[in-house]
Amino acid sequence: MIVTDILFKAKCKDKDMWVEGFYFNMPDKTRHYEESWRKDIIPVGSYIASPSPDGLEIHEVDPITVCIWTGIEDWKGKKIWEHDILMCDGNPGELMEVVFNLVTRPLFCPVIEEVTGWHCVRYPLGAMEEGRCKCPRILREGDTKFYRFEVIKNIFDDERCGKNEID
């Protein structure tokens, strides 16, 4: 992944819709000048700017729901985002949440003491079912195809914002 591949997504504040693009936060009211030199005030808040046929479309978003793209796609070609829920090999009993953190002694890496990066953790947190996809595990592009990881939803798709339930 190169710097130009950094994408964010978040839920719009005024409607139940995901938008993706460049994320920015406005700590103060700011004037925005367009080519026509029209002055618009961008109020304080969190925003995602996404490309549109008319230039950039700016959406006010809920900052709690901001997720970054991992740079990896599931086995069906869908982007995997932070806090996505993945299902392993079509088994609803093997669900994992994608997180970015430090893991000590990652699974299947006996020579590594600790690593910071994209990981999968059991979903819901603390689930004890035994399965092939043990967690925490490093999220690698090759594993998405081998284990047939599929994006089911994001934890913020639930109206209760992150409650441990799958529809």
Foldseek 3Di string as FASTA:
>chain_A
DDPVQKKKWFAFPVDRDIDMADKDFDQAWDWDQDPVRDTDTDHGAIWGWDQDPVGTDIGGGDVVGMWIFQPAAAQVRHTDIQQFWKDWQPDPLFIWGKHWAKDACAPPCNPGGIDTGIWTAGAPHPDDDDDPDHDGHHDDRVRSNVRRIDGQGGCCSDVVRNDRDHD
